[in-house]
C-alpha atoms as a PDB file:
ATOM      1  CA  MET A   1      12.574  -8.432  69.132  1.00  0.00           C
ATOM      2  CA  LYS A   2      11.988  -7.197  65.788  1.00  0.00           C
ATOM      3  CA  TRP A   3      10.065 -10.454  65.439  1.00  0.00           C
ATOM      4  CA  THR A   4       7.019  -9.851  68.195  1.00  0.00           C
ATOM      5  CA  THR A   5       4.916  -8.339  66.293  1.00  0.00           C
ATOM      6  CA  PRO A   6       4.708 -10.769  63.079  1.00  0.00           C
ATOM      7  CA  LEU A   7       4.825 -13.883  65.824  1.00  0.00           C
ATOM      8  CA  MET A   8       1.699 -12.616  67.442  1.00  0.00           C
ATOM      9  CA  ALA A   9       0.078 -11.724  64.024  1.00  0.00           C
ATOM     10  CA  ALA A  10       0.712 -15.185  62.721  1.00  0.00           C
ATOM     11  CA  ALA A  11      -0.526 -16.554  66.166  1.00  0.00           C
ATOM     12  CA  LEU A  12      -4.032 -13.898  66.425  1.00  0.00           C
ATOM     13  CA  GLY A  13      -4.704 -15.061  62.974  1.00  0.00           C
ATOM     14  CA  LEU A  14      -4.676 -19.019  63.646  1.00  0.00           C
ATOM     15  CA  CYS A  15      -6.929 -18.005  67.131  1.00  0.00           C
ATOM     16  CA  LEU A  16      -9.364 -16.032  64.795  1.00  0.00           C
ATOM     17  CA  ALA A  17      -9.571 -19.167  62.405  1.00  0.00           C
ATOM     18  CA  LEU A  18     -10.842 -21.272  65.014  1.00  0.00           C
ATOM     19  CA  PRO A  19     -14.662 -21.625  66.306  1.00  0.00           C
ATOM     20  CA  ALA A  20     -15.454 -20.601  69.396  1.00  0.00           C
ATOM     21  CA  ALA A  21     -16.134 -23.689  71.240  1.00  0.00           C
ATOM     22  CA  ALA A  22     -14.937 -27.401  69.987  1.00  0.00           C
ATOM     23  CA  GLU A  23     -14.735 -31.045  71.842  1.00  0.00           C
ATOM     24  CA  LYS A  24     -11.757 -32.671  72.401  1.00  0.00           C
ATOM     25  CA  LEU A  25     -11.041 -34.886  68.916  1.00  0.00           C
ATOM     26  CA  SER A  26     -10.689 -38.638  69.239  1.00  0.00           C
ATOM     27  CA  LEU A  27      -6.718 -40.052  68.152  1.00  0.00           C
ATOM     28  CA  LYS A  28      -9.099 -41.935  65.451  1.00  0.00           C
ATOM     29  CA  GLU A  29     -10.424 -38.898  64.021  1.00  0.00           C
ATOM     30  CA  LEU A  30      -7.648 -37.389  63.671  1.00  0.00           C
ATOM     31  CA  SER A  31      -5.507 -40.309  62.393  1.00  0.00           C
ATOM     32  CA  ARG A  32      -8.674 -40.474  59.778  1.00  0.00           C
ATOM     33  CA  TYR A  33      -8.091 -37.067  58.776  1.00  0.00           C
ATOM     34  CA  LEU A  34      -4.398 -37.781  58.366  1.00  0.00           C
ATOM     35  CA  ASN A  35      -4.857 -40.977  56.100  1.00  0.00           C
ATOM     36  CA  SER A  36      -7.890 -38.977  53.836  1.00  0.00           C
ATOM     37  CA  PHE A  37      -5.895 -37.224  51.298  1.00  0.00           C
ATOM     38  CA  GLU A  38      -2.389 -38.115  49.770  1.00  0.00           C
ATOM     39  CA  THR A  39      -1.997 -34.748  47.771  1.00  0.00           C
ATOM     40  CA  ALA A  40      -1.446 -31.022  49.714  1.00  0.00           C
ATOM     41  CA  SER A  41      -0.717 -28.174  49.152  1.00  0.00           C
ATOM     42  CA  GLY A  42      -0.643 -24.472  50.658  1.00  0.00           C
ATOM     43  CA  GLN A  43       1.362 -21.189  52.474  1.00  0.00           C
ATOM     44  CA  PHE A  44       3.167 -21.770  55.977  1.00  0.00           C
ATOM     45  CA  THR A  45       4.721 -19.602  58.226  1.00  0.00           C
ATOM     46  CA  GLN A  46       7.711 -20.828  60.067  1.00  0.00           C
ATOM     47  CA  ILE A  47       8.756 -19.617  63.376  1.00  0.00           C
ATOM     48  CA  ASN A  48      12.240 -20.970  64.002  1.00  0.00           C
ATOM     49  CA  ASP A  49      14.323 -21.751  67.523  1.00  0.00           C
ATOM     50  CA  ASP A  50      15.271 -18.503  67.562  1.00  0.00           C
ATOM     51  CA  GLY A  51      12.413 -16.541  66.723  1.00  0.00           C
ATOM     52  CA  THR A  52      13.134 -15.575  63.395  1.00  0.00           C
ATOM     53  CA  ILE A  53      10.099 -15.992  60.827  1.00  0.00           C
ATOM     54  CA  SER A  54      10.159 -17.466  57.273  1.00  0.00           C
ATOM     55  CA  GLN A  55       7.455 -17.884  54.913  1.00  0.00           C
ATOM     56  CA  GLY A  56       6.701 -20.120  51.876  1.00  0.00           C
ATOM     57  CA  THR A  57       4.481 -22.841  50.077  1.00  0.00           C
ATOM     58  CA  ILE A  58       4.103 -26.698  50.977  1.00  0.00           C
ATOM     59  CA  LEU A  59       3.763 -29.606  49.083  1.00  0.00           C
ATOM     60  CA  ILE A  60       2.645 -32.755  50.526  1.00  0.00           C
ATOM     61  CA  LYS A  61       2.321 -36.154  48.744  1.00  0.00           C
ATOM     62  CA  ARG A  62       2.284 -38.703  51.012  1.00  0.00           C
ATOM     63  CA  PRO A  63       3.723 -41.558  51.877  1.00  0.00           C
ATOM     64  CA  GLY A  64       6.772 -39.539  52.717  1.00  0.00           C
ATOM     65  CA  LYS A  65       7.206 -37.016  50.164  1.00  0.00           C
ATOM     66  CA  VAL A  66       6.953 -33.201  51.473  1.00  0.00           C
ATOM     67  CA  ARG A  67       8.585 -29.917  49.466  1.00  0.00           C
ATOM     68  CA  PHE A  68       8.852 -26.338  51.675  1.00  0.00           C
ATOM     69  CA  GLU A  69       9.954 -23.658  49.354  1.00  0.00           C
ATOM     70  CA  TYR A  70      10.796 -20.365  51.447  1.00  0.00           C
ATOM     71  CA  GLN A  71       9.955 -16.965  49.821  1.00  0.00           C
ATOM     72  CA  PRO A  72      12.853 -14.065  49.493  1.00  0.00           C
ATOM     73  CA  PRO A  73      15.293 -13.326  51.636  1.00  0.00           C
ATOM     74  CA  GLU A  74      15.289 -16.849  52.149  1.00  0.00           C
ATOM     75  CA  ASP A  75      17.181 -18.934  49.736  1.00  0.00           C
ATOM     76  CA  ILE A  76      16.293 -22.030  51.539  1.00  0.00           C
ATOM     77  CA  LEU A  77      14.430 -25.679  49.764  1.00  0.00           C
ATOM     78  CA  VAL A  78      13.692 -28.403  52.143  1.00  0.00           C
ATOM     79  CA  VAL A  79      12.702 -31.543  50.371  1.00  0.00           C
ATOM     80  CA  SER A  80      12.077 -35.145  51.176  1.00  0.00           C
ATOM     81  CA  ASN A  81      12.154 -37.590  48.606  1.00  0.00           C
ATOM     82  CA  GLY A  82       9.925 -40.437  50.901  1.00  0.00           C
ATOM     83  CA  ASP A  83      13.360 -41.567  52.021  1.00  0.00           C
ATOM     84  CA  THR A  84      15.954 -38.920  52.722  1.00  0.00           C
ATOM     85  CA  VAL A  85      15.403 -34.971  53.681  1.00  0.00           C
ATOM     86  CA  GLY A  86      17.468 -32.916  51.498  1.00  0.00           C
ATOM     87  CA  ILE A  87      18.146 -28.944  53.212  1.00  0.00           C
ATOM     88  CA  ILE A  88      19.554 -26.670  50.351  1.00  0.00           C
ATOM     89  CA  ASP A  89      20.708 -23.243  51.399  1.00  0.00           C
ATOM     90  CA  GLY A  90      21.432 -21.207  48.297  1.00  0.00           C
ATOM     91  CA  LYS A  91      23.619 -19.148  51.060  1.00  0.00           C
ATOM     92  CA  SER A  92      26.081 -22.170  52.039  1.00  0.00           C
ATOM     93  CA  SER A  93      28.833 -23.118  50.460  1.00  0.00           C
ATOM     94  CA  GLU A  94      28.188 -26.702  52.222  1.00  0.00           C
ATOM     95  CA  GLY A  95      26.171 -28.148  49.637  1.00  0.00           C
ATOM     96  CA  THR A  96      22.910 -30.734  50.102  1.00  0.00           C
ATOM     97  CA  GLN A  97      22.564 -31.620  53.318  1.00  0.00           C
ATOM     98  CA  ALA A  98      20.985 -35.192  53.902  1.00  0.00           C
ATOM     99  CA  TYR A  99      19.132 -36.742  56.619  1.00  0.00           C
ATOM    100  CA  PRO A 100      17.298 -40.061  57.075  1.00  0.00           C
ATOM    101  CA  LEU A 101      13.266 -39.109  56.912  1.00  0.00           C
ATOM    102  CA  ASN A 102      12.713 -42.104  59.609  1.00  0.00           C
ATOM    103  CA  LYS A 103      14.560 -39.941  62.356  1.00  0.00           C
ATOM    104  CA  THR A 104      12.786 -37.235  61.900  1.00  0.00           C
ATOM    105  CA  PRO A 105       9.361 -36.440  63.964  1.00  0.00           C
ATOM    106  CA  LEU A 106       7.874 -35.398  60.347  1.00  0.00           C
ATOM    107  CA  SER A 107       7.920 -38.846  59.330  1.00  0.00           C
ATOM    108  CA  ILE A 108       5.012 -39.548  61.521  1.00  0.00           C
ATOM    109  CA  ILE A 109       2.434 -37.440  59.958  1.00  0.00           C
ATOM    110  CA  LEU A 110       4.032 -38.676  55.933  1.00  0.00           C
ATOM    111  CA  ALA A 111       3.194 -42.225  57.230  1.00  0.00           C
ATOM    112  CA  ARG A 112       1.617 -44.265  54.729  1.00  0.00           C
ATOM    113  CA  ASN A 113      -0.549 -45.038  57.357  1.00  0.00           C
ATOM    114  CA  VAL A 114      -1.110 -42.835  60.319  1.00  0.00           C
ATOM    115  CA  ASP A 115      -2.665 -44.211  63.520  1.00  0.00           C
ATOM    116  CA  PHE A 116      -2.151 -42.057  66.787  1.00  0.00           C
ATOM    117  CA  THR A 117      -4.135 -45.180  68.244  1.00  0.00           C
ATOM    118  CA  ARG A 118      -0.247 -47.384  68.248  1.00  0.00           C
ATOM    119  CA  ALA A 119       0.927 -48.234  71.633  1.00  0.00           C
ATOM    120  CA  ARG A 120       3.373 -45.086  73.049  1.00  0.00           C
ATOM    121  CA  MET A 121       2.675 -43.488  69.809  1.00  0.00           C
ATOM    122  CA  VAL A 122       1.112 -40.432  71.705  1.00  0.00           C
ATOM    123  CA  THR A 123       2.226 -38.906  75.050  1.00  0.00           C
ATOM    124  CA  GLY A 124       0.015 -36.295  74.418  1.00  0.00           C
ATOM    125  CA  HIS A 125      -3.762 -35.472  73.960  1.00  0.00           C
ATOM    126  CA  GLY A 126      -5.743 -32.475  75.383  1.00  0.00           C
ATOM    127  CA  SER A 127      -7.712 -29.535  74.377  1.00  0.00           C
ATOM    128  CA  ASP A 128      -8.019 -26.438  74.832  1.00  0.00           C
ATOM    129  CA  GLY A 129     -11.899 -25.919  73.833  1.00  0.00           C
ATOM    130  CA  LYS A 130     -10.982 -24.248  70.236  1.00  0.00           C
ATOM    131  CA  SER A 131      -8.091 -26.621  69.236  1.00  0.00           C
ATOM    132  CA  THR A 132      -7.489 -30.175  69.880  1.00  0.00           C
ATOM    133  CA  THR A 133      -3.357 -30.695  70.227  1.00  0.00           C
ATOM    134  CA  VAL A 134      -1.412 -34.327  70.092  1.00  0.00           C
ATOM    135  CA  ARG A 135       2.239 -35.098  71.116  1.00  0.00           C
ATOM    136  CA  ALA A 136       3.046 -37.845  68.892  1.00  0.00           C
ATOM    137  CA  GLN A 137       6.713 -39.442  68.842  1.00  0.00           C
ATOM    138  CA  ASP A 138       8.320 -42.924  66.490  1.00  0.00           C
ATOM    139  CA  PRO A 139       7.203 -45.452  69.550  1.00  0.00           C
ATOM    140  CA  ASP A 140      10.471 -47.539  68.920  1.00  0.00           C
ATOM    141  CA  ASN A 141      12.693 -44.517  68.855  1.00  0.00           C
ATOM    142  CA  PRO A 142      11.904 -42.081  71.097  1.00  0.00           C
ATOM    143  CA  ASP A 143      15.098 -40.204  71.093  1.00  0.00           C
ATOM    144  CA  TYR A 144      14.469 -38.985  67.679  1.00  0.00           C
ATOM    145  CA  GLY A 145      12.041 -36.336  69.080  1.00  0.00           C
ATOM    146  CA  SER A 146       8.567 -35.189  68.963  1.00  0.00           C
ATOM    147  CA  ILE A 147       5.762 -33.597  66.879  1.00  0.00           C
ATOM    148  CA  ASP A 148       3.376 -31.542  68.595  1.00  0.00           C
ATOM    149  CA  LEU A 149       0.117 -31.295  66.101  1.00  0.00           C
ATOM    150  CA  VAL A 150      -2.986 -29.221  66.531  1.00  0.00           C
ATOM    151  CA  PHE A 151      -6.238 -29.677  65.050  1.00  0.00           C
ATOM    152  CA  THR A 152      -9.531 -27.551  64.460  1.00  0.00           C
ATOM    153  CA  GLY A 153     -12.532 -29.447  63.997  1.00  0.00           C
ATOM    154  CA  SER A 154     -16.143 -28.839  61.821  1.00  0.00           C
ATOM    155  CA  PRO A 155     -14.074 -30.341  59.476  1.00  0.00           C
ATOM    156  CA  THR A 156     -11.425 -31.572  61.036  1.00  0.00           C
ATOM    157  CA  GLN A 157      -8.112 -30.043  59.764  1.00  0.00           C
ATOM    158  CA  LEU A 158      -4.130 -29.304  60.676  1.00  0.00           C
ATOM    159  CA  ARG A 159      -3.093 -25.973  61.431  1.00  0.00           C
ATOM    160  CA  GLN A 160      -0.461 -26.030  63.031  1.00  0.00           C
ATOM    161  CA  TRP A 161       2.763 -28.289  64.569  1.00  0.00           C
ATOM    162  CA  VAL A 162       5.817 -28.011  66.288  1.00  0.00           C
ATOM    163  CA  ILE A 163       8.646 -30.253  66.146  1.00  0.00           C
ATOM    164  CA  ASN A 164      10.873 -31.022  68.976  1.00  0.00           C
ATOM    165  CA  ASP A 165      13.756 -32.364  67.564  1.00  0.00           C
ATOM    166  CA  SER A 166      16.551 -34.615  69.658  1.00  0.00           C
ATOM    167  CA  GLY A 167      18.979 -31.571  70.584  1.00  0.00           C
ATOM    168  CA  GLY A 168      15.768 -29.727  72.212  1.00  0.00           C
ATOM    169  CA  SER A 169      14.922 -26.947  69.800  1.00  0.00           C
ATOM    170  CA  ARG A 170      11.750 -26.101  68.625  1.00  0.00           C
ATOM    171  CA  THR A 171      10.290 -25.035  65.276  1.00  0.00           C
ATOM    172  CA  THR A 172       7.032 -24.184  64.507  1.00  0.00           C
ATOM    173  CA  VAL A 173       5.198 -24.365  61.283  1.00  0.00           C
ATOM    174  CA  ILE A 174       1.439 -22.491  60.999  1.00  0.00           C
ATOM    175  CA  LEU A 175      -0.297 -24.196  57.802  1.00  0.00           C
ATOM    176  CA  GLY A 176      -2.666 -21.951  55.925  1.00  0.00           C
ATOM    177  CA  ALA A 177      -5.951 -23.714  54.589  1.00  0.00           C
ATOM    178  CA  LEU A 178      -4.384 -26.843  52.807  1.00  0.00           C
ATOM    179  CA  ASP A 179      -5.720 -27.958  49.415  1.00  0.00           C
ATOM    180  CA  THR A 180      -5.970 -31.665  49.243  1.00  0.00           C
ATOM    181  CA  GLY A 181      -6.324 -33.932  46.224  1.00  0.00           C
ATOM    182  CA  VAL A 182      -4.120 -31.623  44.274  1.00  0.00           C
ATOM    183  CA  ARG A 183      -1.849 -33.182  41.147  1.00  0.00           C
ATOM    184  CA  LEU A 184       1.721 -33.130  42.265  1.00  0.00           C
ATOM    185  CA  LYS A 185       4.556 -33.745  40.088  1.00  0.00           C
ATOM    186  CA  ASN A 186       7.208 -36.467  41.213  1.00  0.00           C
ATOM    187  CA  GLU A 187      10.125 -33.960  39.916  1.00  0.00           C
ATOM    188  CA  SER A 188       9.000 -31.774  42.904  1.00  0.00           C
ATOM    189  CA  PHE A 189      10.192 -34.153  45.513  1.00  0.00           C
ATOM    190  CA  VAL A 190      13.475 -35.186  43.798  1.00  0.00           C
ATOM    191  CA  ILE A 191      16.658 -33.578  45.858  1.00  0.00           C
ATOM    192  CA  PRO A 192      19.188 -31.317  43.862  1.00  0.00           C
ATOM    193  CA  GLY A 193      22.837 -32.200  44.695  1.00  0.00           C
ATOM    194  CA  LEU A 194      21.686 -35.676  45.986  1.00  0.00           C
ATOM    195  CA  LYS A 195      24.411 -38.468  45.948  1.00  0.00           C
ATOM    196  CA  PRO A 196      24.859 -41.953  46.857  1.00  0.00           C
ATOM    197  CA  GLY A 197      26.533 -42.091  50.129  1.00  0.00           C
ATOM    198  CA  MET A 198      25.551 -38.829  51.451  1.00  0.00           C
ATOM    199  CA  VAL A 199      22.958 -40.131  53.865  1.00  0.00           C
ATOM    200  CA  ASP A 200      24.333 -41.666  57.160  1.00  0.00           C
ATOM    201  CA  ARG A 201      21.774 -44.291  58.116  1.00  0.00           C
END
């Protein structure tokens, strides 16, 4: 398991960044935090369902837009243009793969107005004394999967999320410090190779 050491290092780095003790953050406060910024950028570490680890840069422009730029040896770009998520794998001959954003759990935190107090959206809300974790889903389409969000307080910050997709796989994204209020070009959220009719709604 060659990934064990970096995985433990990433988890340890997250734990060291957490305060010694913290009260559970309210759903209202977590919604307020996500709605407090429109743009953000930072570094991320991704732990895939098979245990492999990737790193890169994330750009967020709410509502609906996000860009994951993966570092070598990966040759992958993931972009949401606000409506569609495109996956471009430079090592694949299949070209751009496109999916509706609203059928992915990531759409929950990219919404124009995040409201965790909405009925049936939050199915879990707890604290381990250091961080607050929320499990959220599309209340109208729970079969699309869910997302576990990990926050710390003083001040409130999003540290990590885990996407639990409809197929049963889990993808963890550990975030570095996010710079909010940054200026991002719209061109960063254009999906290369996207053509009309590629997305099955």
